[in-house]
């Protein structure tokens, strides 16, 4: 028998964004195929009738559902969709008894488990399910779309390809056999140190205090995760970060191998000024290369927007929620 873990779920509103009076909010749980119980916030339009088109949301990488993904989910529920924002395995309120680990396989499975939940939810239409992945979960969302034929529409917002950045470094600045060897060796050594210590060593979240010479994108992260704008006590990026070895398997597991075989609709959204924009542009190029299914694929670049502007809108309401609503309305008919 499949059994779910008992999770300790916070019942009071503890999000980084205001609660909407246009939707009903509740906590839900579901299980992935590894037996890990995931925690989610469900948002349902008030006075909704019948089975609704549904969207599962997660990300950014190292965030929790009380931050960006919850904002996306609540806003899309205001637009008429049933939504859930979930914490991935080993993070936030979700289960997994080794904390702060990540896995390309398990995290893709987390999205598929969310689709399982929505497919069996009596308020959702199983034939009208979409997903939204933000930052590192944008890449996971595309990877899930290549695997899960039940998904009709996918949005990747301000996406990272976490396998690429782990293997090649930022801006592919460490893309060499020697650099990868040194990183692998360091993590192998860390494994033994952790076992001898009896606990996993955290790698550190967003740097704080912020050095004056910090790269601009680190300053953007600090302005979100380390201030009242986006800080949350359960967020890895706001606090101690992932385990040092938490992303070890990303080093040699590219996640977007078969993205050009995705038949369903995909919308990649990125800010023009985002340091990560190259991930979105390259992911789109690879997705349409030699593909028979390009008519429902789109890359949408937002002028002037940075990476974190698509977390919460920044100073200019940069998240194109009208675009997202039109996209999902079209492809979740």
Protein backbone atom coordinates (compact mmCIF):
# COMPACT_ATOMS: atom_id res chain seq x y z
CA UNK A 1 0.00 0.00 0.00
CA UNK A 2 1.23 3.50 -0.88
CA UNK A 3 1.45 5.55 2.30
CA UNK A 4 2.11 9.24 2.68
CA UNK A 5 4.33 10.76 5.31
CA UNK A 6 2.71 12.91 7.96
CA UNK A 7 3.85 16.46 7.35
CA UNK A 8 3.74 19.40 9.71
CA UNK A 9 1.98 22.01 7.60
CA UNK A 10 1.74 25.66 8.58
CA UNK A 11 -1.89 26.74 8.57
CA UNK A 12 -1.52 30.50 8.93
CA UNK A 13 -0.80 32.70 5.91
CA UNK A 14 3.00 33.03 5.79
CA UNK A 15 3.61 34.02 2.17
CA UNK A 16 5.77 36.83 0.81
CA UNK A 17 2.74 38.19 -1.06
CA UNK A 18 -0.73 39.35 0.09
CA UNK A 19 -3.62 36.91 0.23
CA UNK A 20 -6.17 37.37 -2.52
CA UNK A 21 -9.87 37.67 -1.76
CA UNK A 22 -10.67 36.27 -5.20
CA UNK A 23 -9.54 32.70 -4.52
CA UNK A 24 -9.93 29.99 -1.90
CA UNK A 25 -6.69 28.66 -0.42
CA UNK A 26 -5.98 25.31 1.22
CA UNK A 27 -3.09 22.94 1.94
CA UNK A 28 -2.84 19.63 0.10
CA UNK A 29 -0.36 16.76 -0.03
CA UNK A 30 0.50 14.12 -2.61
CA UNK A 31 3.13 11.44 -3.09
CA UNK A 32 5.75 10.85 -5.77
CA UNK A 33 6.89 7.50 -7.07
CA UNK A 34 9.82 7.46 -4.64
CA UNK A 35 7.42 7.55 -1.70
CA UNK A 36 8.18 11.18 -0.83
CA UNK A 37 5.18 13.19 0.29
CA UNK A 38 5.01 16.68 -1.20
CA UNK A 39 3.29 19.69 0.33
CA UNK A 40 1.41 22.21 -1.77
CA UNK A 41 -0.84 25.23 -1.55
CA UNK A 42 -4.00 24.92 -3.65
CA UNK A 43 -5.69 28.01 -5.06
CA UNK A 44 -9.22 27.77 -6.48
CA UNK A 45 -11.22 30.65 -7.99
CA UNK A 46 -14.07 31.60 -5.67
CA UNK A 47 -17.49 30.34 -6.74
CA UNK A 48 -15.90 28.13 -9.42
CA UNK A 49 -18.15 25.48 -10.90
CA UNK A 50 -17.39 22.29 -12.79
CA UNK A 51 -13.96 20.87 -13.53
CA UNK A 52 -11.37 23.56 -14.09
CA UNK A 53 -8.21 23.75 -16.17
CA UNK A 54 -5.35 23.17 -13.73
CA UNK A 55 -1.72 24.28 -13.38
CA UNK A 56 1.09 23.02 -11.13
CA UNK A 57 3.81 25.54 -10.25
CA UNK A 58 7.26 25.21 -8.67
CA UNK A 59 10.51 27.12 -8.32
CA UNK A 60 12.83 28.92 -8.18
CA UNK A 61 15.68 26.54 -7.40
CA UNK A 62 16.18 26.89 -3.65
CA UNK A 63 12.91 28.75 -3.01
CA UNK A 64 9.69 27.61 -1.36
CA UNK A 65 6.03 27.76 -2.35
CA UNK A 66 5.49 30.75 -0.09
CA UNK A 67 7.61 32.84 -2.47
CA UNK A 68 7.46 33.11 -6.28
CA UNK A 69 5.61 29.92 -7.16
CA UNK A 70 2.79 30.78 -4.79
CA UNK A 71 2.47 34.25 -6.32
CA UNK A 72 2.24 32.73 -9.79
CA UNK A 73 -0.27 30.12 -8.60
CA UNK A 74 -2.53 32.57 -6.78
CA UNK A 75 -2.49 35.03 -9.68
CA UNK A 76 -3.34 32.35 -12.21
CA UNK A 77 -6.18 31.18 -9.95
CA UNK A 78 -7.51 34.75 -10.07
CA UNK A 79 -7.57 34.24 -13.86
CA UNK A 80 -9.81 31.17 -13.57
CA UNK A 81 -7.40 28.25 -13.20
CA UNK A 82 -7.17 25.74 -10.38
CA UNK A 83 -3.54 25.85 -9.29
CA UNK A 84 -1.10 24.28 -6.87
CA UNK A 85 2.30 25.59 -5.82
CA UNK A 86 4.43 22.80 -4.35
CA UNK A 87 7.69 22.40 -2.46
CA UNK A 88 10.02 19.93 -4.22
CA UNK A 89 11.33 16.85 -2.43
CA UNK A 90 13.66 17.48 0.52
CA UNK A 91 12.75 21.18 0.77
CA UNK A 92 10.23 23.44 2.47
CA UNK A 93 7.28 21.61 4.00
CA UNK A 94 7.69 18.59 1.72
CA UNK A 95 9.05 15.27 2.93
CA UNK A 96 12.28 13.41 2.37
CA UNK A 97 14.38 12.62 5.41
CA UNK A 98 17.65 13.94 4.01
CA UNK A 99 17.12 17.66 3.64
CA UNK A 100 18.38 20.05 0.96
CA UNK A 101 19.26 17.51 -1.72
CA UNK A 102 18.36 17.90 -5.41
CA UNK A 103 18.11 15.40 -8.25
CA UNK A 104 17.29 15.85 -11.95
CA UNK A 105 15.28 12.63 -11.81
CA UNK A 106 13.47 13.12 -8.50
CA UNK A 107 12.67 16.76 -9.20
CA UNK A 108 11.26 15.91 -12.62
CA UNK A 109 9.22 13.23 -10.87
CA UNK A 110 7.96 15.89 -8.42
CA UNK A 111 6.31 17.69 -11.34
CA UNK A 112 4.87 14.41 -12.64
CA UNK A 113 3.48 13.65 -9.18
CA UNK A 114 1.82 17.06 -9.19
CA UNK A 115 0.21 16.12 -12.51
CA UNK A 116 -0.92 12.84 -10.91
CA UNK A 117 -2.57 14.82 -8.13
CA UNK A 118 -4.32 17.23 -10.49
CA UNK A 119 -5.45 14.36 -12.76
CA UNK A 120 -7.25 12.76 -9.81
CA UNK A 121 -8.52 15.98 -8.20
CA UNK A 122 -12.32 16.15 -8.42
CA UNK A 123 -12.17 19.91 -9.10
CA UNK A 124 -9.72 19.66 -12.01
CA UNK A 125 -10.14 18.55 -15.62
CA UNK A 126 -7.54 15.82 -16.24
CA UNK A 127 -7.49 16.67 -19.94
CA UNK A 128 -6.54 20.32 -19.27
CA UNK A 129 -3.38 20.31 -17.18
CA UNK A 130 -0.38 22.63 -17.49
CA UNK A 131 2.75 23.39 -15.51
CA UNK A 132 4.86 26.46 -14.72
CA UNK A 133 8.52 26.19 -13.72
CA UNK A 134 10.44 29.22 -12.46
CA UNK A 135 14.25 29.61 -12.57
CA UNK A 136 15.82 26.16 -12.06
CA UNK A 137 12.40 24.57 -12.18
CA UNK A 138 11.89 26.10 -15.60
CA UNK A 139 14.39 23.59 -16.94
CA UNK A 140 12.72 20.87 -14.89
CA UNK A 141 9.35 21.85 -16.36
CA UNK A 142 10.63 21.48 -19.93
CA UNK A 143 12.20 18.16 -19.01
CA UNK A 144 8.87 17.04 -17.53
CA UNK A 145 6.99 18.13 -20.65
CA UNK A 146 9.28 15.88 -22.70
CA UNK A 147 8.36 12.93 -20.47
CA UNK A 148 4.73 13.47 -19.42
CA UNK A 149 2.24 13.26 -22.28
CA UNK A 150 -0.62 14.37 -20.00
CA UNK A 151 0.75 17.92 -19.90
CA UNK A 152 -0.92 20.12 -22.50
CA UNK A 153 0.98 23.38 -21.88
CA UNK A 154 4.23 24.37 -20.17
CA UNK A 155 5.68 27.75 -19.17
CA UNK A 156 9.34 28.12 -18.24
CA UNK A 157 9.89 31.53 -16.64
CA UNK A 158 13.37 33.07 -16.20
CA UNK A 159 14.71 29.53 -16.55
CA UNK A 160 17.99 27.92 -15.64
CA UNK A 161 19.28 24.65 -17.04
CA UNK A 162 20.64 23.37 -13.72
CA UNK A 163 22.62 20.56 -15.31
CA UNK A 164 24.41 23.00 -17.59
CA UNK A 165 25.27 25.53 -14.89
CA UNK A 166 26.55 22.82 -12.56
CA UNK A 167 28.70 21.20 -15.25
CA UNK A 168 29.85 24.35 -17.08
CA UNK A 169 29.60 27.13 -14.51
CA UNK A 170 27.94 30.50 -15.05
CA UNK A 171 28.13 31.68 -18.66
CA UNK A 172 29.91 28.37 -19.48
CA UNK A 173 33.07 29.83 -17.93
CA UNK A 174 34.07 26.44 -16.47
CA UNK A 175 33.31 24.32 -19.51
CA UNK A 176 36.40 22.12 -19.56
CA UNK A 177 37.31 18.59 -18.54
CA UNK A 178 39.80 19.91 -15.97
CA UNK A 179 37.28 22.23 -14.30
CA UNK A 180 34.68 19.46 -14.10
CA UNK A 181 37.26 17.02 -12.72
CA UNK A 182 38.19 19.42 -9.93
CA UNK A 183 34.54 19.94 -9.01
CA UNK A 184 33.88 16.21 -9.00
CA UNK A 185 36.95 15.55 -6.85
CA UNK A 186 35.93 18.23 -4.36
CA UNK A 187 32.45 16.79 -3.98
CA UNK A 188 33.77 13.24 -3.59
CA UNK A 189 36.03 14.48 -0.80
CA UNK A 190 33.10 16.33 0.77
CA UNK A 191 31.03 13.13 0.83
CA UNK A 192 33.56 11.51 3.14
CA UNK A 193 33.84 14.58 5.35
CA UNK A 194 30.06 14.62 5.74
CA UNK A 195 29.92 10.93 6.62
CA UNK A 196 32.67 11.31 9.21
CA UNK A 197 30.91 14.34 10.70
CA UNK A 198 27.54 12.59 10.70
CA UNK A 199 25.78 15.44 8.93
CA UNK A 200 25.69 17.12 5.55
CA UNK A 201 27.44 20.48 5.24
CA UNK A 202 25.41 23.33 3.80
CA UNK A 203 26.88 25.25 0.90
CA UNK A 204 25.47 28.61 1.97
CA UNK A 205 22.54 30.50 0.47
CA UNK A 206 22.69 33.91 -1.14
CA UNK A 207 25.78 35.72 0.17
CA UNK A 208 25.12 38.12 3.05
CA UNK A 209 26.45 40.68 3.75
CA UNK A 210 26.75 41.60 0.12
CA UNK A 211 30.31 42.36 -1.07
CA UNK A 212 30.71 45.64 -2.92
CA UNK A 213 32.22 43.84 -5.91
CA UNK A 214 29.49 41.21 -6.13
CA UNK A 215 28.30 40.43 -9.68
CA UNK A 216 25.10 42.23 -10.62
CA UNK A 217 23.04 39.05 -10.61
CA UNK A 218 24.20 38.24 -7.06
CA UNK A 219 23.01 41.71 -6.07
CA UNK A 220 19.66 40.92 -7.70
CA UNK A 221 19.40 37.67 -5.72
CA UNK A 222 20.29 39.47 -2.48
CA UNK A 223 17.66 42.13 -3.13
CA UNK A 224 15.04 39.38 -3.35
CA UNK A 225 16.02 36.58 -0.97
CA UNK A 226 17.69 38.60 1.80
CA UNK A 227 15.22 41.45 2.19
CA UNK A 228 11.58 41.79 3.21
CA UNK A 229 10.75 41.62 -0.48
CA UNK A 230 11.25 37.85 -0.67
CA UNK A 231 12.85 36.46 2.50
CA UNK A 232 11.29 33.30 3.93
CA UNK A 233 12.46 31.25 6.88
CA UNK A 234 12.13 27.94 5.00
CA UNK A 235 13.81 29.13 1.80
CA UNK A 236 17.24 27.62 1.15
CA UNK A 237 18.40 30.66 -0.79
CA UNK A 238 17.33 32.97 2.01
CA UNK A 239 19.26 30.94 4.56
CA UNK A 240 21.85 28.11 4.56
CA UNK A 241 21.45 26.92 0.97
CA UNK A 242 21.68 23.42 -0.47
CA UNK A 243 24.06 20.82 0.88
CA UNK A 244 27.48 21.15 -0.72
CA UNK A 245 26.92 17.78 -2.42
CA UNK A 246 23.22 18.46 -2.94
CA UNK A 247 23.50 18.92 -6.71
CA UNK A 248 26.29 16.42 -7.40
CA UNK A 249 24.38 14.29 -9.91
CA UNK A 250 23.60 17.34 -12.06
CA UNK A 251 27.22 17.28 -13.23
CA UNK A 252 26.68 14.67 -15.94
CA UNK A 253 22.91 14.41 -16.46
CA UNK A 254 21.69 16.84 -19.14
CA UNK A 255 17.95 17.30 -18.66
CA UNK A 256 16.85 18.74 -22.01
CA UNK A 257 18.04 15.92 -24.26
CA UNK A 258 14.68 15.23 -25.93
CA UNK A 259 13.04 18.65 -25.69
CA UNK A 260 12.65 18.79 -29.49
CA UNK A 261 10.23 15.86 -29.21
CA UNK A 262 7.75 17.76 -27.03
CA UNK A 263 4.42 17.78 -28.85
CA UNK A 264 2.53 19.97 -26.38
CA UNK A 265 2.74 23.75 -26.17
CA UNK A 266 5.74 25.41 -24.51
CA UNK A 267 6.26 29.10 -23.72
CA UNK A 268 9.69 30.24 -22.54
CA UNK A 269 9.69 33.68 -20.90
CA UNK A 270 12.85 35.59 -20.07
CA UNK A 271 13.96 39.08 -19.18
CA UNK A 272 16.14 40.84 -21.74
CA UNK A 273 18.57 41.97 -19.01
CA UNK A 274 18.59 38.65 -17.12
CA UNK A 275 22.04 37.11 -16.66
CA UNK A 276 20.28 33.78 -17.29
CA UNK A 277 18.70 34.76 -20.61
CA UNK A 278 21.12 32.57 -22.53
CA UNK A 279 19.56 29.51 -20.89
CA UNK A 280 16.13 30.40 -22.26
CA UNK A 281 17.36 31.32 -25.72
CA UNK A 282 19.41 28.13 -26.05
CA UNK A 283 16.63 25.96 -24.61
CA UNK A 284 14.21 27.35 -27.18
CA UNK A 285 16.70 26.87 -30.03
CA UNK A 286 17.32 23.28 -29.02
CA UNK A 287 13.61 22.62 -28.59
CA UNK A 288 12.71 23.68 -32.13
CA UNK A 289 15.82 22.29 -33.87
CA UNK A 290 14.88 19.38 -36.13
CA UNK A 291 11.46 19.32 -34.45
CA UNK A 292 8.16 18.49 -36.11
CA UNK A 293 6.28 20.38 -33.38
CA UNK A 294 7.29 24.02 -33.61
CA UNK A 295 3.94 25.72 -34.21
CA UNK A 296 3.07 25.75 -30.50
CA UNK A 297 6.51 26.80 -29.19
CA UNK A 298 7.41 30.40 -28.32
CA UNK A 299 10.25 32.40 -26.82
CA UNK A 300 9.00 35.64 -25.25
CA UNK A 301 11.64 38.21 -24.22
CA UNK A 302 10.62 41.03 -21.87
CA UNK A 303 12.51 44.29 -22.55
CA UNK A 304 14.47 45.67 -19.61
CA UNK A 305 13.59 42.85 -17.19
CA UNK A 306 16.19 41.16 -14.99
CA UNK A 307 16.21 37.57 -13.74
CA UNK A 308 14.53 38.32 -10.42
CA UNK A 309 12.02 40.74 -11.97
CA UNK A 310 10.20 37.59 -13.06
CA UNK A 311 10.13 36.33 -9.48
CA UNK A 312 7.68 38.92 -8.20
CA UNK A 313 7.43 41.57 -10.90
CA UNK A 314 10.22 43.76 -9.55
CA UNK A 315 9.52 47.48 -9.76
CA UNK A 316 7.67 47.28 -13.06
CA UNK A 317 5.19 44.38 -12.76
CA UNK A 318 7.38 42.53 -15.24
CA UNK A 319 5.61 39.15 -15.04
CA UNK A 320 3.36 39.00 -18.13
CA UNK A 321 0.38 37.36 -16.45
CA UNK A 322 -1.93 38.36 -19.31
CA UNK A 323 0.40 36.49 -21.68
CA UNK A 324 0.39 33.44 -19.41
CA UNK A 325 -3.40 33.51 -19.09
CA UNK A 326 -3.86 33.74 -22.86
CA UNK A 327 -1.36 30.93 -23.42
CA UNK A 328 -3.01 28.54 -20.98
CA UNK A 329 -6.50 29.50 -22.10
CA UNK A 330 -5.56 28.62 -25.68
CA UNK A 331 -3.85 25.33 -24.98
CA UNK A 332 -5.99 24.11 -22.06
CA UNK A 333 -9.22 24.42 -24.03
